[in-house]
Protein backbone atom coordinates (compact mmCIF):
# COMPACT_ATOMS: atom_id res chain seq x y z
CA MET A 1 59.01 4.54 37.71
CA ARG A 2 59.77 7.70 35.90
CA ILE A 3 63.69 7.68 34.89
CA VAL A 4 65.71 10.79 33.13
CA MET A 5 68.82 9.97 31.62
CA MET A 6 71.50 12.62 31.27
CA GLY A 7 74.55 11.92 29.54
CA THR A 8 76.55 12.92 26.36
CA PRO A 9 79.12 10.95 24.92
CA ASP A 10 79.85 7.38 23.68
CA PHE A 11 80.50 6.11 27.20
CA ALA A 12 76.58 6.81 28.03
CA VAL A 13 75.37 5.03 25.45
CA PRO A 14 75.53 1.70 26.77
CA SER A 15 73.77 3.19 29.55
CA LEU A 16 70.88 4.32 28.04
CA LYS A 17 70.20 1.21 25.66
CA ALA A 18 70.29 -0.90 29.05
CA LEU A 19 67.42 1.23 30.26
CA LEU A 20 65.40 0.89 27.08
CA ARG A 21 66.39 -2.82 27.12
CA GLU A 22 65.09 -3.58 30.84
CA LYS A 23 61.76 -1.79 29.55
CA TYR A 24 62.26 1.21 32.39
CA ASN A 25 60.14 4.39 31.38
CA VAL A 26 62.60 6.65 29.95
CA VAL A 27 60.78 10.04 29.99
CA GLY A 28 63.36 12.43 28.86
CA VAL A 29 66.99 12.46 27.70
CA PHE A 30 69.67 15.66 29.13
CA CYS A 31 72.86 16.18 27.04
CA GLN A 32 75.14 18.82 26.07
CA PRO A 33 73.70 20.97 23.44
CA ASP A 34 75.03 20.14 19.80
CA ARG A 35 78.68 21.48 19.15
CA PRO A 36 80.83 22.20 16.01
CA LYS A 37 82.28 19.09 14.12
CA GLY A 38 84.58 18.38 11.07
CA ARG A 39 85.95 20.95 8.74
CA GLY A 40 82.78 22.30 7.75
CA HIS A 41 81.89 23.26 11.60
CA LYS A 42 78.67 22.12 11.25
CA LEU A 43 76.53 21.50 14.50
CA ALA A 44 76.11 18.16 15.49
CA ALA A 45 74.44 16.08 17.92
CA CYS A 46 76.05 14.09 20.38
CA PRO A 47 75.82 10.17 20.64
CA VAL A 48 73.57 10.09 23.80
CA LYS A 49 71.33 12.73 21.42
CA GLU A 50 71.38 10.06 18.26
CA GLU A 51 69.97 7.07 20.45
CA ALA A 52 67.42 8.98 21.93
CA VAL A 53 65.83 10.61 19.03
CA LYS A 54 66.40 7.25 17.69
CA ALA A 55 64.03 5.97 20.32
CA GLY A 56 61.51 8.83 20.49
CA ILE A 57 62.82 9.98 23.41
CA PRO A 58 62.15 13.62 24.05
CA VAL A 59 65.62 15.47 24.49
CA PHE A 60 66.85 18.51 26.26
CA GLN A 61 69.98 20.43 26.11
CA PRO A 62 69.80 23.49 28.33
CA VAL A 63 73.50 25.59 28.05
CA ARG A 64 73.20 24.85 31.77
CA ILE A 65 70.76 22.64 33.52
CA LYS A 66 70.99 24.18 36.84
CA SER A 67 69.72 27.15 35.00
CA PRO A 68 66.36 28.20 35.62
CA GLU A 69 65.27 27.36 32.41
CA GLY A 70 67.19 23.78 32.69
CA LEU A 71 65.45 23.03 36.26
CA ALA A 72 62.12 24.07 34.97
CA MET A 73 62.73 21.50 32.11
CA LEU A 74 63.58 18.76 34.59
CA ARG A 75 60.84 19.71 36.77
CA VAL A 76 58.31 18.89 34.11
CA LEU A 77 59.29 16.07 33.72
CA GLU A 78 58.46 14.94 37.55
CA PRO A 79 61.30 12.38 37.24
CA ASP A 80 60.93 9.34 39.59
CA LEU A 81 65.24 8.93 39.60
CA CYS A 82 67.70 10.43 37.66
CA VAL A 83 71.30 8.58 35.93
CA THR A 84 73.86 10.15 34.99
CA ALA A 85 76.88 9.25 33.13
CA ALA A 86 79.70 11.44 31.82
CA PHE A 87 77.02 14.29 31.20
CA GLY A 88 79.48 16.98 31.95
CA GLN A 89 77.90 19.44 33.85
CA LEU A 90 77.48 19.73 37.32
CA LEU A 91 73.89 19.23 39.01
CA SER A 92 72.86 21.99 41.76
CA ALA A 93 71.21 21.24 45.17
CA GLU A 94 67.79 22.30 43.29
CA CYS A 95 68.03 19.57 40.38
CA LEU A 96 69.10 17.05 42.93
CA ALA A 97 66.03 17.42 44.87
CA VAL A 98 64.17 16.72 41.63
CA PRO A 99 63.80 12.68 41.68
CA ARG A 100 62.32 11.23 44.75
CA PHE A 101 64.77 8.61 44.67
CA GLY A 102 67.78 10.59 44.28
CA THR A 103 70.60 10.56 40.75
CA ILE A 104 72.62 8.13 40.58
CA ASN A 105 75.99 8.40 38.58
CA VAL A 106 77.64 5.64 36.76
CA HIS A 107 81.41 6.63 37.28
CA ALA A 108 84.38 5.11 35.30
CA SER A 109 86.47 4.68 38.00
CA LEU A 110 87.18 2.62 41.00
CA LEU A 111 86.05 5.30 43.25
CA PRO A 112 87.34 7.08 45.52
CA ARG A 113 90.40 6.86 43.07
CA HIS A 114 90.32 8.96 40.13
CA ARG A 115 87.23 11.68 40.58
CA GLY A 116 86.79 14.01 37.99
CA SER A 117 86.23 14.30 34.34
CA ALA A 118 88.49 11.92 33.05
CA PRO A 119 89.17 8.92 34.90
CA VAL A 120 89.78 6.58 32.01
CA HIS A 121 93.06 8.55 30.58
CA TYR A 122 93.99 8.99 34.28
CA SER A 123 93.66 5.36 35.37
CA ILE A 124 95.86 4.43 32.13
CA ILE A 125 98.29 7.53 32.62
CA GLY A 126 98.64 6.78 36.29
CA GLY A 127 99.90 3.08 35.50
CA ASP A 128 96.93 1.72 37.08
CA ARG A 129 96.85 -2.27 36.28
CA GLU A 130 92.88 -2.30 37.68
CA THR A 131 90.22 0.04 37.22
CA GLY A 132 86.29 -0.53 36.92
CA VAL A 133 83.12 1.39 37.33
CA THR A 134 81.37 2.57 40.42
CA THR A 135 77.82 3.74 41.02
CA MET A 136 77.01 6.21 43.39
CA MET A 137 74.29 8.63 44.31
CA THR A 138 75.16 12.19 43.41
CA ASP A 139 75.56 14.87 45.61
CA ILE A 140 76.68 18.15 45.02
CA GLY A 141 80.68 17.68 45.30
CA MET A 142 82.76 16.53 42.10
CA ASP A 143 81.91 12.24 42.84
CA THR A 144 81.57 12.72 46.10
CA GLY A 145 78.85 10.82 46.54
CA ASP A 146 78.01 7.71 48.71
CA ILE A 147 79.56 4.30 46.66
CA LEU A 148 76.51 1.78 45.33
CA LEU A 149 77.80 -0.84 43.51
CA ARG A 150 81.76 -1.42 41.66
CA ALA A 151 82.28 -3.45 39.53
CA SER A 152 86.49 -3.66 38.53
CA THR A 153 88.29 -4.91 35.13
CA ARG A 154 92.42 -5.45 34.08
CA ILE A 155 94.32 -2.80 32.33
CA SER A 156 95.87 -4.61 29.57
CA GLU A 157 99.41 -3.54 28.39
CA ASP A 158 98.07 -2.39 25.37
CA GLU A 159 95.37 -0.47 26.61
CA THR A 160 94.02 2.93 25.19
CA ALA A 161 91.97 5.40 26.37
CA GLU A 162 89.88 4.43 23.57
CA THR A 163 89.57 0.83 24.37
CA LEU A 164 89.21 1.14 27.76
CA THR A 165 86.48 3.56 27.65
CA ARG A 166 84.48 1.16 25.16
CA LYS A 167 84.90 -1.43 27.85
CA LEU A 168 83.71 0.61 31.04
CA SER A 169 80.54 1.69 29.30
CA LEU A 170 79.18 -1.67 28.76
CA LEU A 171 80.43 -2.82 31.96
CA GLY A 172 78.72 0.55 33.35
CA ALA A 173 75.36 -0.48 31.60
CA GLU A 174 75.24 -3.65 33.21
CA LEU A 175 76.21 -2.52 37.04
CA LEU A 176 73.70 0.46 36.45
CA ILE A 177 70.82 -2.02 36.06
CA GLU A 178 71.97 -3.95 39.12
CA THR A 179 71.78 -1.19 41.03
CA ILE A 180 68.58 0.09 39.86
CA THR A 181 67.43 -3.30 40.74
CA ALA A 182 68.85 -3.56 44.56
CA LEU A 183 66.83 0.24 44.71
CA ARG A 184 63.64 -1.30 43.76
CA ASN A 185 64.30 -4.05 45.95
CA GLY A 186 65.06 -1.83 49.08
CA THR A 187 68.45 -3.81 49.05
CA LEU A 188 71.29 -0.82 47.87
CA GLU A 189 73.08 -0.28 50.49
CA ARG A 190 75.41 3.16 50.61
CA THR A 191 78.68 3.47 51.66
CA PRO A 192 79.97 6.78 52.12
CA GLN A 193 83.60 7.26 50.48
CA ASP A 194 87.07 7.66 52.18
CA ASP A 195 87.93 10.97 51.52
CA ALA A 196 91.40 10.35 52.68
CA ARG A 197 92.20 7.71 49.68
CA ALA A 198 90.61 10.09 46.85
CA THR A 199 92.62 10.95 44.07
CA TYR A 200 91.29 14.10 42.24
CA GLU A 201 92.31 14.51 38.01
CA PRO A 202 91.99 17.67 36.61
CA LYS A 203 90.60 18.49 33.11
CA LEU A 204 92.65 16.92 29.72
CA THR A 205 94.47 19.79 27.73
CA ARG A 206 96.27 19.65 25.15
CA GLU A 207 99.52 20.71 27.25
CA THR A 208 98.29 16.96 28.92
CA GLY A 209 99.66 14.95 25.81
CA ARG A 210 103.10 16.70 25.95
CA ILE A 211 105.72 13.71 26.54
CA ASP A 212 108.54 14.71 29.23
CA TRP A 213 111.48 12.64 27.88
CA SER A 214 112.91 12.65 31.48
CA LYS A 215 110.54 10.30 32.88
CA LYS A 216 110.80 6.33 32.44
CA ALA A 217 110.11 4.81 29.05
CA ALA A 218 107.23 2.91 30.95
CA GLN A 219 105.75 6.24 31.90
CA ILE A 220 105.72 7.49 28.46
CA ASP A 221 104.13 4.38 27.03
CA CYS A 222 101.28 4.70 29.92
CA LEU A 223 101.35 8.52 28.66
CA VAL A 224 100.98 7.80 25.01
CA ARG A 225 98.54 4.81 25.48
CA GLY A 226 96.13 7.08 27.94
CA THR A 227 95.64 10.37 25.82
CA ASP A 228 95.03 8.03 22.70
CA PRO A 229 93.01 9.49 21.09
CA TRP A 230 92.39 12.89 22.58
CA PRO A 231 94.46 15.00 23.52
CA GLY A 232 97.13 12.69 22.18
CA ALA A 233 100.53 12.40 23.14
CA TYR A 234 103.24 14.70 21.14
CA THR A 235 106.68 16.35 21.01
CA LYS A 236 108.08 19.07 18.87
CA LEU A 237 110.87 18.00 16.41
CA GLY A 238 112.21 21.18 15.45
CA GLU A 239 109.51 23.56 14.72
CA GLU A 240 107.23 20.47 13.50
CA THR A 241 104.55 18.66 15.88
CA MET A 242 105.53 15.10 15.79
CA LYS A 243 102.24 12.89 17.21
CA VAL A 244 103.39 9.99 18.94
CA PHE A 245 100.77 6.59 19.05
CA ARG A 246 102.86 3.67 20.25
CA VAL A 247 106.34 3.55 22.05
CA LYS A 248 108.25 0.73 23.76
CA ARG A 249 111.98 0.50 26.00
CA VAL A 250 114.71 -0.64 24.30
CA SER A 251 118.37 -1.14 25.16
CA GLY A 252 121.70 -1.66 24.14
CA PHE A 253 121.74 2.49 23.17
CA PRO A 254 124.24 4.80 24.82
CA GLU A 255 123.17 7.09 27.81
CA ALA A 256 122.28 10.89 26.51
CA ALA A 257 120.17 13.61 27.67
CA PRO A 258 116.49 13.06 27.70
CA GLY A 259 114.83 13.35 23.68
CA THR A 260 118.09 13.02 22.37
CA VAL A 261 117.31 10.54 19.22
CA LEU A 262 119.74 7.65 19.50
CA ALA A 263 118.72 6.18 16.09
CA ALA A 264 116.85 6.89 13.19
CA ASP A 265 116.67 4.06 10.67
CA ARG A 266 115.26 1.04 9.50
CA LYS A 267 117.10 -0.89 11.11
CA ASP A 268 116.88 0.32 15.00
CA GLY A 269 113.88 2.61 13.80
CA LEU A 270 113.23 5.74 15.85
CA VAL A 271 114.80 5.50 19.15
CA VAL A 272 115.08 7.99 21.96
CA SER A 273 116.63 8.58 25.14
CA CYS A 274 114.60 8.76 28.30
CA GLY A 275 114.54 8.68 31.80
CA ASP A 276 115.61 4.80 32.17
CA GLY A 277 117.30 4.71 28.87
CA ALA A 278 116.17 4.51 25.62
CA ALA A 279 112.55 4.20 24.14
CA GLU A 280 111.70 3.83 20.66
CA LEU A 281 108.47 5.45 19.05
CA THR A 282 106.77 2.70 17.27
CA GLU A 283 104.58 4.62 15.36
CA ILE A 284 104.30 8.56 14.76
CA GLN A 285 102.53 10.83 12.44
CA MET A 286 104.00 14.41 11.30
CA PRO A 287 101.75 17.38 10.22
CA GLY A 288 100.28 16.37 6.69
CA GLN A 289 100.82 13.37 6.68
CA ARG A 290 99.36 9.57 7.80
CA ARG A 291 99.37 7.97 10.69
CA MET A 292 102.46 5.14 9.93
CA SER A 293 105.11 3.43 11.65
CA ALA A 294 108.25 5.33 12.30
CA LYS A 295 110.06 2.61 10.35
CA ASP A 296 108.15 3.38 7.02
CA TYR A 297 108.51 7.09 7.98
CA LEU A 298 112.13 6.54 8.04
CA LEU A 299 112.20 5.09 4.15
CA GLY A 300 111.68 8.97 3.16
CA HIS A 301 112.88 11.22 5.82
CA THR A 302 115.81 11.83 7.48
CA ILE A 303 116.10 12.07 11.36
CA GLU A 304 119.72 13.26 12.41
CA THR A 305 121.09 10.93 15.20
CA GLY A 306 121.77 13.78 18.30
CA THR A 307 118.68 15.70 17.47
CA CYS A 308 116.68 16.68 20.47
CA LEU A 309 113.16 16.27 20.55
CA GLY A 310 110.85 18.10 23.21
CA GLY A 311 111.52 21.36 22.76
CA ASP A 312 109.15 24.51 23.37
């Protein structure tokens, strides 16, 4: 079976490795074009490209795979099956018609919940206790194709988007192999998605990480963990942007307008009023400084109680 793999970030690497481990004939890899990275803004290869080059697999990086040039690249490989995992581009009907067994997508949620490009982040932001991976037959919609197999896992209370992505990438790789095995054995079943139960999440932007202090402490905690490491949760302290990495609900403080600093000292830490009482910011980062505990930051800096965080 001739397989073409399409993926770009770290999430897709275990799926490619699993295909190679199982001795599948991966005849080509498609990924996003190289992007500028780091202070020098030098072009850098994505993780999937690095893995493919290491394995000696031809790599293709069309700006748009559904362009005539991208489609021609795909057709010349004559794949029996395409596999996508966080590829970052939508496939056209012409692309989907190329592989005779279709295109299987590895999606990092329990579809039809959390369709879209950031399912891992929004599962945490939304306060889900469980998530997982779905393999599905790709169609021209946004994650609307028939469900093939699903595998679930719990979301721990300290889970971040980074740690959960890593966990789901490994789960997805094994589910992909299970899916292809069933396809080869003729036992793979397709289940249409229930669109009435579907949720679609927007693309992540910098604004996604802005903390709304009128929310409950648990919701703020979910936002902080769900946007770590990118785009990152933040609030304004005067004219400066404070990045926030960890928060927890605390009690025993007076009521105040959301965003009001209730305490800022080594004893209580940095405590801010929120929608259901108060939240302690336990780990922060100020411009030009390293990430540190708020209590360590307060050793050398003063934040006045009564200060309001979160302005425009």
